[in-house]
Amino acid sequence: FYMSVLLNRSTGRNMIMYSTEGGMDIEAVAEHTPELIFHE
């Protein structure tokens, strides 16, 4: 899986970003299948 914690600058709140598609090609997931990336 992929998981990161960072600041959402547009809302001024921390968020957890995560996906079932972890591994070396996470950039390609964000570009081609953004619906597979969740935000909390």
PDB file of all heavy atoms in Angstrom:
ATOM      1  N   PHE A   1       0.839  -1.189   0.000  1.00  0.00           N
ATOM      2  CA  PHE A   1       0.000   0.000   0.000  1.00  0.00           C
ATOM      3  C   PHE A   1       0.879   1.246   0.000  1.00  0.00           C
ATOM      4  O   PHE A   1       2.082   1.180   0.288  1.00  0.00           O
ATOM      5  CB  PHE A   1      -0.906   0.023   1.237  1.00  0.00           C
ATOM      6  CG  PHE A   1      -1.687  -1.243   1.448  1.00  0.00           C
ATOM      7  CD1 PHE A   1      -1.422  -2.071   2.535  1.00  0.00           C
ATOM      8  CD2 PHE A   1      -2.677  -1.615   0.560  1.00  0.00           C
ATOM      9  CE1 PHE A   1      -2.129  -3.238   2.734  1.00  0.00           C
ATOM     10  CE2 PHE A   1      -3.401  -2.786   0.753  1.00  0.00           C
ATOM     11  CZ  PHE A   1      -3.126  -3.600   1.838  1.00  0.00           C
ATOM     12  N   TYR A   2       0.258   2.366  -0.320  1.00  0.00           N
ATOM     13  CA  TYR A   2       0.925   3.666  -0.238  1.00  0.00           C
ATOM     14  C   TYR A   2       0.257   4.478   0.864  1.00  0.00           C
ATOM     15  O   TYR A   2      -0.972   4.466   0.997  1.00  0.00           O
ATOM     16  CB  TYR A   2       0.807   4.424  -1.559  1.00  0.00           C
ATOM     17  CG  TYR A   2       1.272   5.865  -1.473  1.00  0.00           C
ATOM     18  CD1 TYR A   2       2.595   6.201  -1.676  1.00  0.00           C
ATOM     19  CD2 TYR A   2       0.373   6.884  -1.152  1.00  0.00           C
ATOM     20  CE1 TYR A   2       3.037   7.518  -1.580  1.00  0.00           C
ATOM     21  CE2 TYR A   2       0.798   8.204  -1.042  1.00  0.00           C
ATOM     22  CZ  TYR A   2       2.129   8.507  -1.260  1.00  0.00           C
ATOM     23  OH  TYR A   2       2.559   9.814  -1.137  1.00  0.00           O
ATOM     24  N   MET A   3       1.067   5.197   1.664  1.00  0.00           N
ATOM     25  CA  MET A   3       0.485   6.061   2.690  1.00  0.00           C
ATOM     26  C   MET A   3       1.422   7.230   2.980  1.00  0.00           C
ATOM     27  O   MET A   3       2.641   7.062   3.071  1.00  0.00           O
ATOM     28  CB  MET A   3       0.231   5.286   3.982  1.00  0.00           C
ATOM     29  CG  MET A   3      -0.589   6.052   5.015  1.00  0.00           C
ATOM     30  SD  MET A   3      -1.083   5.006   6.416  1.00  0.00           S
ATOM     31  CE  MET A   3      -2.155   3.833   5.588  1.00  0.00           C
ATOM     32  N   SER A   4       0.852   8.413   3.089  1.00  0.00           N
ATOM     33  CA  SER A   4       1.642   9.584   3.469  1.00  0.00           C
ATOM     34  C   SER A   4       0.802  10.496   4.350  1.00  0.00           C
ATOM     35  O   SER A   4      -0.432  10.490   4.283  1.00  0.00           O
ATOM     36  CB  SER A   4       2.135  10.342   2.231  1.00  0.00           C
ATOM     37  OG  SER A   4       1.048  10.847   1.472  1.00  0.00           O
ATOM     38  N   VAL A   5       1.487  11.263   5.184  1.00  0.00           N
ATOM     39  CA  VAL A   5       0.851  12.288   6.011  1.00  0.00           C
ATOM     40  C   VAL A   5       1.500  13.609   5.650  1.00  0.00           C
ATOM     41  O   VAL A   5       2.739  13.720   5.633  1.00  0.00           O
ATOM     42  CB  VAL A   5       1.038  12.014   7.520  1.00  0.00           C
ATOM     43  CG1 VAL A   5       0.168  12.972   8.334  1.00  0.00           C
ATOM     44  CG2 VAL A   5       0.713  10.574   7.866  1.00  0.00           C
ATOM     45  N   LEU A   6       0.690  14.600   5.352  1.00  0.00           N
ATOM     46  CA  LEU A   6       1.193  15.906   4.938  1.00  0.00           C
ATOM     47  C   LEU A   6       0.133  16.969   5.170  1.00  0.00           C
ATOM     48  O   LEU A   6      -0.999  16.653   5.547  1.00  0.00           O
ATOM     49  CB  LEU A   6       1.623  15.889   3.472  1.00  0.00           C
ATOM     50  CG  LEU A   6       0.533  15.721   2.397  1.00  0.00           C
ATOM     51  CD1 LEU A   6       1.061  16.166   1.034  1.00  0.00           C
ATOM     52  CD2 LEU A   6       0.067  14.264   2.293  1.00  0.00           C
ATOM     53  N   LEU A   7       0.514  18.212   4.929  1.00  0.00           N
ATOM     54  CA  LEU A   7      -0.412  19.329   5.097  1.00  0.00           C
ATOM     55  C   LEU A   7      -1.152  19.593   3.798  1.00  0.00           C
ATOM     56  O   LEU A   7      -0.537  19.742   2.736  1.00  0.00           O
ATOM     57  CB  LEU A   7       0.353  20.591   5.516  1.00  0.00           C
ATOM     58  CG  LEU A   7      -0.471  21.878   5.631  1.00  0.00           C
ATOM     59  CD1 LEU A   7      -1.463  21.787   6.777  1.00  0.00           C
ATOM     60  CD2 LEU A   7       0.452  23.084   5.824  1.00  0.00           C
ATOM     61  N   ASN A   8      -2.474  19.649   3.876  1.00  0.00           N
ATOM     62  CA  ASN A   8      -3.287  20.089   2.740  1.00  0.00           C
ATOM     63  C   ASN A   8      -3.331  21.617   2.781  1.00  0.00           C
ATOM     64  O   ASN A   8      -4.035  22.206   3.593  1.00  0.00           O
ATOM     65  CB  ASN A   8      -4.696  19.502   2.836  1.00  0.00           C
ATOM     66  CG  ASN A   8      -5.552  19.859   1.628  1.00  0.00           C
ATOM     67  OD1 ASN A   8      -5.239  20.789   0.883  1.00  0.00           O
ATOM     68  ND2 ASN A   8      -6.629  19.120   1.439  1.00  0.00           N
ATOM     69  N   ARG A   9      -2.540  22.254   1.932  1.00  0.00           N
ATOM     70  CA  ARG A   9      -2.390  23.706   2.007  1.00  0.00           C
ATOM     71  C   ARG A   9      -3.671  24.451   1.641  1.00  0.00           C
ATOM     72  O   ARG A   9      -3.877  25.585   2.061  1.00  0.00           O
ATOM     73  CB  ARG A   9      -1.229  24.152   1.112  1.00  0.00           C
ATOM     74  CG  ARG A   9       0.108  23.608   1.595  1.00  0.00           C
ATOM     75  CD  ARG A   9       1.276  24.133   0.772  1.00  0.00           C
ATOM     76  NE  ARG A   9       2.523  23.550   1.225  1.00  0.00           N
ATOM     77  CZ  ARG A   9       3.232  23.979   2.260  1.00  0.00           C
ATOM     78  NH1 ARG A   9       2.791  25.011   2.959  1.00  0.00           N
ATOM     79  NH2 ARG A   9       4.357  23.396   2.599  1.00  0.00           N
ATOM     80  N   SER A  10      -4.527  23.836   0.856  1.00  0.00           N
ATOM     81  CA  SER A  10      -5.764  24.519   0.458  1.00  0.00           C
ATOM     82  C   SER A  10      -6.750  24.632   1.611  1.00  0.00           C
ATOM     83  O   SER A  10      -7.571  25.546   1.656  1.00  0.00           O
ATOM     84  CB  SER A  10      -6.409  23.799  -0.729  1.00  0.00           C
ATOM     85  OG  SER A  10      -6.790  22.494  -0.368  1.00  0.00           O
ATOM     86  N   THR A  11      -6.685  23.703   2.565  1.00  0.00           N
ATOM     87  CA  THR A  11      -7.606  23.744   3.708  1.00  0.00           C
ATOM     88  C   THR A  11      -6.901  24.077   5.021  1.00  0.00           C
ATOM     89  O   THR A  11      -7.566  24.346   6.018  1.00  0.00           O
ATOM     90  CB  THR A  11      -8.319  22.382   3.867  1.00  0.00           C
ATOM     91  OG1 THR A  11      -7.343  21.367   4.142  1.00  0.00           O
ATOM     92  CG2 THR A  11      -9.090  22.018   2.605  1.00  0.00           C
ATOM     93  N   GLY A  12      -5.568  24.024   5.025  1.00  0.00           N
ATOM     94  CA  GLY A  12      -4.828  24.301   6.246  1.00  0.00           C
ATOM     95  C   GLY A  12      -4.919  23.183   7.271  1.00  0.00           C
ATOM     96  O   GLY A  12      -4.708  23.396   8.459  1.00  0.00           O
ATOM     97  N   ARG A  13      -5.224  21.967   6.810  1.00  0.00           N
ATOM     98  CA  ARG A  13      -5.341  20.817   7.709  1.00  0.00           C
ATOM     99  C   ARG A  13      -4.397  19.690   7.272  1.00  0.00           C
ATOM    100  O   ARG A  13      -4.134  19.529   6.084  1.00  0.00           O
ATOM    101  CB  ARG A  13      -6.774  20.280   7.719  1.00  0.00           C
ATOM    102  CG  ARG A  13      -7.791  21.226   8.336  1.00  0.00           C
ATOM    103  CD  ARG A  13      -9.162  20.582   8.355  1.00  0.00           C
ATOM    104  NE  ARG A  13     -10.129  21.375   9.122  1.00  0.00           N
ATOM    105  CZ  ARG A  13     -11.323  20.936   9.468  1.00  0.00           C
ATOM    106  NH1 ARG A  13     -11.719  19.733   9.111  1.00  0.00           N
ATOM    107  NH2 ARG A  13     -12.140  21.706  10.165  1.00  0.00           N
ATOM    108  N   ASN A  14      -3.934  18.926   8.255  1.00  0.00           N
ATOM    109  CA  ASN A  14      -3.171  17.730   7.929  1.00  0.00           C
ATOM    110  C   ASN A  14      -4.093  16.709   7.289  1.00  0.00           C
ATOM    111  O   ASN A  14      -5.290  16.659   7.572  1.00  0.00           O
ATOM    112  CB  ASN A  14      -2.544  17.122   9.192  1.00  0.00           C
ATOM    113  CG  ASN A  14      -1.462  18.002   9.771  1.00  0.00           C
ATOM    114  OD1 ASN A  14      -0.781  18.719   9.045  1.00  0.00           O
ATOM    115  ND2 ASN A  14      -1.295  17.959  11.083  1.00  0.00           N
ATOM    116  N   MET A  15      -3.514  15.876   6.421  1.00  0.00           N
ATOM    117  CA  MET A  15      -4.318  14.815   5.830  1.00  0.00           C
ATOM    118  C   MET A  15      -3.468  13.570   5.634  1.00  0.00           C
ATOM    119  O   MET A  15      -2.233  13.638   5.523  1.00  0.00           O
ATOM    120  CB  MET A  15      -4.919  15.250   4.491  1.00  0.00           C
ATOM    121  CG  MET A  15      -3.938  15.380   3.355  1.00  0.00           C
ATOM    122  SD  MET A  15      -4.796  15.729   1.798  1.00  0.00           S
ATOM    123  CE  MET A  15      -3.407  15.833   0.662  1.00  0.00           C
ATOM    124  N   ILE A  16      -4.135  12.441   5.619  1.00  0.00           N
ATOM    125  CA  ILE A  16      -3.505  11.165   5.305  1.00  0.00           C
ATOM    126  C   ILE A  16      -3.936  10.786   3.891  1.00  0.00           C
ATOM    127  O   ILE A  16      -5.131  10.733   3.597  1.00  0.00           O
ATOM    128  CB  ILE A  16      -3.913  10.075   6.307  1.00  0.00           C
ATOM    129  CG1 ILE A  16      -3.449  10.457   7.718  1.00  0.00           C
ATOM    130  CG2 ILE A  16      -3.325   8.729   5.901  1.00  0.00           C
ATOM    131  CD1 ILE A  16      -3.906   9.499   8.807  1.00  0.00           C
ATOM    132  N   MET A  17      -2.959  10.591   3.034  1.00  0.00           N
ATOM    133  CA  MET A  17      -3.229  10.188   1.652  1.00  0.00           C
ATOM    134  C   MET A  17      -2.798   8.735   1.515  1.00  0.00           C
ATOM    135  O   MET A  17      -1.688   8.373   1.946  1.00  0.00           O
ATOM    136  CB  MET A  17      -2.463  11.091   0.690  1.00  0.00           C
ATOM    137  CG  MET A  17      -2.781  10.869  -0.766  1.00  0.00           C
ATOM    138  SD  MET A  17      -2.300  12.274  -1.809  1.00  0.00           S
ATOM    139  CE  MET A  17      -0.555  12.414  -1.445  1.00  0.00           C
ATOM    140  N   TYR A  18      -3.636   7.895   0.927  1.00  0.00           N
ATOM    141  CA  TYR A  18      -3.314   6.468   0.897  1.00  0.00           C
ATOM    142  C   TYR A  18      -3.923   5.802  -0.330  1.00  0.00           C
ATOM    143  O   TYR A  18      -4.841   6.333  -0.969  1.00  0.00           O
ATOM    144  CB  TYR A  18      -3.796   5.775   2.181  1.00  0.00           C
ATOM    145  CG  TYR A  18      -5.286   5.871   2.445  1.00  0.00           C
ATOM    146  CD1 TYR A  18      -6.126   4.802   2.186  1.00  0.00           C
ATOM    147  CD2 TYR A  18      -5.855   7.028   2.967  1.00  0.00           C
ATOM    148  CE1 TYR A  18      -7.496   4.870   2.431  1.00  0.00           C
ATOM    149  CE2 TYR A  18      -7.215   7.120   3.223  1.00  0.00           C
ATOM    150  CZ  TYR A  18      -8.030   6.030   2.954  1.00  0.00           C
ATOM    151  OH  TYR A  18      -9.376   6.115   3.189  1.00  0.00           O
ATOM    152  N   SER A  19      -3.372   4.653  -0.681  1.00  0.00           N
ATOM    153  CA  SER A  19      -3.839   3.934  -1.864  1.00  0.00           C
ATOM    154  C   SER A  19      -3.536   2.448  -1.722  1.00  0.00           C
ATOM    155  O   SER A  19      -2.576   2.058  -1.046  1.00  0.00           O
ATOM    156  CB  SER A  19      -3.150   4.481  -3.121  1.00  0.00           C
ATOM    157  OG  SER A  19      -3.510   3.720  -4.266  1.00  0.00           O
ATOM    158  N   THR A  20      -4.346   1.647  -2.399  1.00  0.00           N
ATOM    159  CA  THR A  20      -4.082   0.203  -2.461  1.00  0.00           C
ATOM    160  C   THR A  20      -2.939  -0.105  -3.420  1.00  0.00           C
ATOM    161  O   THR A  20      -2.406  -1.213  -3.411  1.00  0.00           O
ATOM    162  CB  THR A  20      -5.334  -0.549  -2.945  1.00  0.00           C
ATOM    163  OG1 THR A  20      -5.756   0.019  -4.200  1.00  0.00           O
ATOM    164  CG2 THR A  20      -6.465  -0.453  -1.937  1.00  0.00           C
ATOM    165  N   GLU A  21      -2.570   0.876  -4.229  1.00  0.00           N
ATOM    166  CA  GLU A  21      -1.564   0.651  -5.281  1.00  0.00           C
ATOM    167  C   GLU A  21      -0.191   1.140  -4.842  1.00  0.00           C
ATOM    168  O   GLU A  21       0.375   2.060  -5.429  1.00  0.00           O
ATOM    169  CB  GLU A  21      -1.993   1.350  -6.576  1.00  0.00           C
ATOM    170  CG  GLU A  21      -3.404   1.040  -7.022  1.00  0.00           C
ATOM    171  CD  GLU A  21      -3.615  -0.451  -7.260  1.00  0.00           C
ATOM    172  OE1 GLU A  21      -2.842  -1.049  -8.032  1.00  0.00           O
ATOM    173  OE2 GLU A  21      -4.552  -1.007  -6.661  1.00  0.00           O
ATOM    174  N   GLY A  22       0.370   0.541  -3.806  1.00  0.00           N
ATOM    175  CA  GLY A  22       1.692   0.931  -3.356  1.00  0.00           C
ATOM    176  C   GLY A  22       2.775   0.355  -4.248  1.00  0.00           C
ATOM    177  O   GLY A  22       2.531  -0.522  -5.068  1.00  0.00           O
ATOM    178  N   GLY A  23       3.995   0.864  -4.091  1.00  0.00           N
ATOM    179  CA  GLY A  23       5.118   0.369  -4.879  1.00  0.00           C
ATOM    180  C   GLY A  23       5.762   1.459  -5.704  1.00  0.00           C
ATOM    181  O   GLY A  23       5.511   2.649  -5.511  1.00  0.00           O
ATOM    182  N   MET A  24       6.615   1.051  -6.651  1.00  0.00           N
ATOM    183  CA  MET A  24       7.462   1.996  -7.375  1.00  0.00           C
ATOM    184  C   MET A  24       6.703   2.914  -8.319  1.00  0.00           C
ATOM    185  O   MET A  24       7.200   3.963  -8.698  1.00  0.00           O
ATOM    186  CB  MET A  24       8.537   1.239  -8.161  1.00  0.00           C
ATOM    187  CG  MET A  24       9.628   0.638  -7.299  1.00  0.00           C
ATOM    188  SD  MET A  24      11.110   0.216  -8.246  1.00  0.00           S
ATOM    189  CE  MET A  24      10.498  -1.056  -9.336  1.00  0.00           C
ATOM    190  N   ASP A  25       5.502   2.539  -8.754  1.00  0.00           N
ATOM    191  CA  ASP A  25       4.808   3.306  -9.781  1.00  0.00           C
ATOM    192  C   ASP A  25       3.653   4.132  -9.238  1.00  0.00           C
ATOM    193  O   ASP A  25       2.651   4.347  -9.918  1.00  0.00           O
ATOM    194  CB  ASP A  25       4.297   2.355 -10.877  1.00  0.00           C
ATOM    195  CG  ASP A  25       5.441   1.675 -11.619  1.00  0.00           C
ATOM    196  OD1 ASP A  25       6.418   2.357 -11.939  1.00  0.00           O
ATOM    197  OD2 ASP A  25       5.349   0.453 -11.855  1.00  0.00           O
ATOM    198  N   ILE A  26       3.771   4.643  -8.014  1.00  0.00           N
ATOM    199  CA  ILE A  26       2.686   5.425  -7.418  1.00  0.00           C
ATOM    200  C   ILE A  26       2.442   6.716  -8.196  1.00  0.00           C
ATOM    201  O   ILE A  26       1.308   7.193  -8.289  1.00  0.00           O
ATOM    202  CB  ILE A  26       2.986   5.737  -5.925  1.00  0.00           C
ATOM    203  CG1 ILE A  26       1.770   6.381  -5.255  1.00  0.00           C
ATOM    204  CG2 ILE A  26       4.235   6.576  -5.775  1.00  0.00           C
ATOM    205  CD1 ILE A  26       0.546   5.522  -5.188  1.00  0.00           C
ATOM    206  N   GLU A  27       3.487   7.281  -8.817  1.00  0.00           N
ATOM    207  CA  GLU A  27       3.296   8.507  -9.611  1.00  0.00           C
ATOM    208  C   GLU A  27       2.368   8.243 -10.793  1.00  0.00           C
ATOM    209  O   GLU A  27       1.527   9.067 -11.147  1.00  0.00           O
ATOM    210  CB  GLU A  27       4.642   9.052 -10.111  1.00  0.00           C
ATOM    211  CG  GLU A  27       5.537   9.616  -9.024  1.00  0.00           C
ATOM    212  CD  GLU A  27       6.408   8.554  -8.364  1.00  0.00           C
ATOM    213  OE1 GLU A  27       6.265   7.352  -8.737  1.00  0.00           O
ATOM    214  OE2 GLU A  27       7.203   8.906  -7.483  1.00  0.00           O
ATOM    215  N   ALA A  28       2.541   7.067 -11.418  1.00  0.00           N
ATOM    216  CA  ALA A  28       1.687   6.703 -12.550  1.00  0.00           C
ATOM    217  C   ALA A  28       0.250   6.491 -12.098  1.00  0.00           C
ATOM    218  O   ALA A  28      -0.702   6.823 -12.823  1.00  0.00           O
ATOM    219  CB  ALA A  28       2.221   5.436 -13.225  1.00  0.00           C
ATOM    220  N   VAL A  29       0.055   5.957 -10.886  1.00  0.00           N
ATOM    221  CA  VAL A  29      -1.298   5.778 -10.336  1.00  0.00           C
ATOM    222  C   VAL A  29      -1.972   7.130 -10.177  1.00  0.00           C
ATOM    223  O   VAL A  29      -3.138   7.314 -10.557  1.00  0.00           O
ATOM    224  CB  VAL A  29      -1.240   5.044  -8.975  1.00  0.00           C
ATOM    225  CG1 VAL A  29      -2.628   4.991  -8.341  1.00  0.00           C
ATOM    226  CG2 VAL A  29      -0.679   3.643  -9.140  1.00  0.00           C
ATOM    227  N   ALA A  30      -1.234   8.103  -9.627  1.00  0.00           N
ATOM    228  CA  ALA A  30      -1.796   9.445  -9.426  1.00  0.00           C
ATOM    229  C   ALA A  30      -2.165  10.095 -10.747  1.00  0.00           C
ATOM    230  O   ALA A  30      -3.157  10.829 -10.839  1.00  0.00           O
ATOM    231  CB  ALA A  30      -0.784  10.311  -8.675  1.00  0.00           C
ATOM    232  N   GLU A  31      -1.394   9.812 -11.784  1.00  0.00           N
ATOM    233  CA  GLU A  31      -1.633  10.451 -13.085  1.00  0.00           C
ATOM    234  C   GLU A  31      -2.773   9.784 -13.853  1.00  0.00           C
ATOM    235  O   GLU A  31      -3.611  10.472 -14.447  1.00  0.00           O
ATOM    236  CB  GLU A  31      -0.345  10.392 -13.913  1.00  0.00           C
ATOM    237  CG  GLU A  31      -0.464  11.080 -15.264  1.00  0.00           C
ATOM    238  CD  GLU A  31       0.840  11.041 -16.050  1.00  0.00           C
ATOM    239  OE1 GLU A  31       1.869  10.586 -15.494  1.00  0.00           O
ATOM    240  OE2 GLU A  31       0.822  11.470 -17.227  1.00  0.00           O
ATOM    241  N   HIS A  32      -2.817   8.454 -13.852  1.00  0.00           N
ATOM    242  CA  HIS A  32      -3.750   7.741 -14.723  1.00  0.00           C
ATOM    243  C   HIS A  32      -5.003   7.229 -14.016  1.00  0.00           C
ATOM    244  O   HIS A  32      -6.066   7.123 -14.641  1.00  0.00           O
ATOM    245  CB  HIS A  32      -3.029   6.557 -15.392  1.00  0.00           C
ATOM    246  CG  HIS A  32      -1.838   6.959 -16.212  1.00  0.00           C
ATOM    247  ND1 HIS A  32      -1.946   7.782 -17.319  1.00  0.00           N
ATOM    248  CD2 HIS A  32      -0.515   6.681 -16.067  1.00  0.00           C
ATOM    249  CE1 HIS A  32      -0.744   7.978 -17.839  1.00  0.00           C
ATOM    250  NE2 HIS A  32       0.145   7.329 -17.099  1.00  0.00           N
ATOM    251  N   THR A  33      -4.896   6.907 -12.716  1.00  0.00           N
ATOM    252  CA  THR A  33      -6.066   6.409 -11.990  1.00  0.00           C
ATOM    253  C   THR A  33      -6.183   7.114 -10.640  1.00  0.00           C
ATOM    254  O   THR A  33      -6.050   6.480  -9.578  1.00  0.00           O
ATOM    255  CB  THR A  33      -5.976   4.878 -11.785  1.00  0.00           C
ATOM    256  OG1 THR A  33      -4.705   4.567 -11.180  1.00  0.00           O
ATOM    257  CG2 THR A  33      -6.132   4.133 -13.095  1.00  0.00           C
ATOM    258  N   PRO A  34      -6.425   8.428 -10.647  1.00  0.00           N
ATOM    259  CA  PRO A  34      -6.479   9.187  -9.391  1.00  0.00           C
ATOM    260  C   PRO A  34      -7.590   8.722  -8.451  1.00  0.00           C
ATOM    261  O   PRO A  34      -7.525   8.981  -7.249  1.00  0.00           O
ATOM    262  CB  PRO A  34      -6.706  10.626  -9.855  1.00  0.00           C
ATOM    263  CG  PRO A  34      -7.285  10.508 -11.235  1.00  0.00           C
ATOM    264  CD  PRO A  34      -6.666   9.283 -11.818  1.00  0.00           C
ATOM    265  N   GLU A  35      -8.599   8.020  -8.982  1.00  0.00           N
ATOM    266  CA  GLU A  35      -9.689   7.539  -8.124  1.00  0.00           C
ATOM    267  C   GLU A  35      -9.213   6.457  -7.147  1.00  0.00           C
ATOM    268  O   GLU A  35      -9.912   6.142  -6.181  1.00  0.00           O
ATOM    269  CB  GLU A  35     -10.839   6.998  -8.977  1.00  0.00           C
ATOM    270  CG  GLU A  35     -10.554   5.721  -9.756  1.00  0.00           C
ATOM    271  CD  GLU A  35      -9.847   5.959 -11.098  1.00  0.00           C
ATOM    272  OE1 GLU A  35      -9.484   7.114 -11.382  1.00  0.00           O
ATOM    273  OE2 GLU A  35      -9.672   4.979 -11.850  1.00  0.00           O
ATOM    274  N   LEU A  36      -8.019   5.922  -7.373  1.00  0.00           N
ATOM    275  CA  LEU A  36      -7.468   4.900  -6.481  1.00  0.00           C
ATOM    276  C   LEU A  36      -6.684   5.502  -5.326  1.00  0.00           C
ATOM    277  O   LEU A  36      -6.120   4.769  -4.507  1.00  0.00           O
ATOM    278  CB  LEU A  36      -6.573   3.932  -7.266  1.00  0.00           C
ATOM    279  CG  LEU A  36      -7.270   3.093  -8.347  1.00  0.00           C
ATOM    280  CD1 LEU A  36      -6.268   2.224  -9.079  1.00  0.00           C
ATOM    281  CD2 LEU A  36      -8.371   2.237  -7.715  1.00  0.00           C
ATOM    282  N   ILE A  37      -6.627   6.821  -5.269  1.00  0.00           N
ATOM    283  CA  ILE A  37      -5.931   7.499  -4.173  1.00  0.00           C
ATOM    284  C   ILE A  37      -6.975   8.163  -3.275  1.00  0.00           C
ATOM    285  O   ILE A  37      -7.795   8.955  -3.728  1.00  0.00           O
ATOM    286  CB  ILE A  37      -4.924   8.527  -4.705  1.00  0.00           C
ATOM    287  CG1 ILE A  37      -3.826   7.802  -5.490  1.00  0.00           C
ATOM    288  CG2 ILE A  37      -4.319   9.330  -3.559  1.00  0.00           C
ATOM    289  CD1 ILE A  37      -2.769   8.693  -6.062  1.00  0.00           C
ATOM    290  N   PHE A  38      -6.949   7.820  -1.989  1.00  0.00           N
ATOM    291  CA  PHE A  38      -7.917   8.324  -1.014  1.00  0.00           C
ATOM    292  C   PHE A  38      -7.266   9.384  -0.129  1.00  0.00           C
ATOM    293  O   PHE A  38      -6.048   9.402   0.057  1.00  0.00           O
ATOM    294  CB  PHE A  38      -8.427   7.177  -0.127  1.00  0.00           C
ATOM    295  CG  PHE A  38      -9.091   6.060  -0.873  1.00  0.00           C
ATOM    296  CD1 PHE A  38      -8.346   4.973  -1.321  1.00  0.00           C
ATOM    297  CD2 PHE A  38     -10.447   6.081  -1.133  1.00  0.00           C
ATOM    298  CE1 PHE A  38      -8.951   3.935  -2.013  1.00  0.00           C
ATOM    299  CE2 PHE A  38     -11.066   5.049  -1.811  1.00  0.00           C
ATOM    300  CZ  PHE A  38     -10.313   3.970  -2.254  1.00  0.00           C
ATOM    301  N   HIS A  39      -8.119  10.257   0.423  1.00  0.00           N
ATOM    302  CA  HIS A  39      -7.642  11.305   1.338  1.00  0.00           C
ATOM    303  C   HIS A  39      -8.494  11.300   2.604  1.00  0.00           C
ATOM    304  O   HIS A  39      -9.707  11.141   2.537  1.00  0.00           O
ATOM    305  CB  HIS A  39      -7.745  12.695   0.682  1.00  0.00           C
ATOM    306  CG  HIS A  39      -7.057  12.806  -0.637  1.00  0.00           C
ATOM    307  ND1 HIS A  39      -7.648  12.408  -1.817  1.00  0.00           N
ATOM    308  CD2 HIS A  39      -5.827  13.262  -0.968  1.00  0.00           C
ATOM    309  CE1 HIS A  39      -6.815  12.609  -2.818  1.00  0.00           C
ATOM    310  NE2 HIS A  39      -5.695  13.130  -2.332  1.00  0.00           N
ATOM    311  N   GLU A  40      -7.839  11.494   3.727  1.00  0.00           N
ATOM    312  CA  GLU A  40      -8.552  11.607   5.000  1.00  0.00           C
ATOM    313  C   GLU A  40      -8.011  12.830   5.737  1.00  0.00           C
ATOM    314  O   GLU A  40      -6.856  12.847   6.173  1.00  0.00           O
ATOM    315  CB  GLU A  40      -8.354  10.351   5.850  1.00  0.00           C
ATOM    316  CG  GLU A  40      -9.250  10.271   7.055  1.00  0.00           C
ATOM    317  CD  GLU A  40     -10.729  10.110   6.684  1.00  0.00           C
ATOM    318  OE1 GLU A  40     -11.045   9.440   5.670  1.00  0.00           O
ATOM    319  OE2 GLU A  40     -11.569  10.687   7.408  1.00  0.00           O
TER     320      GLU A  40
END
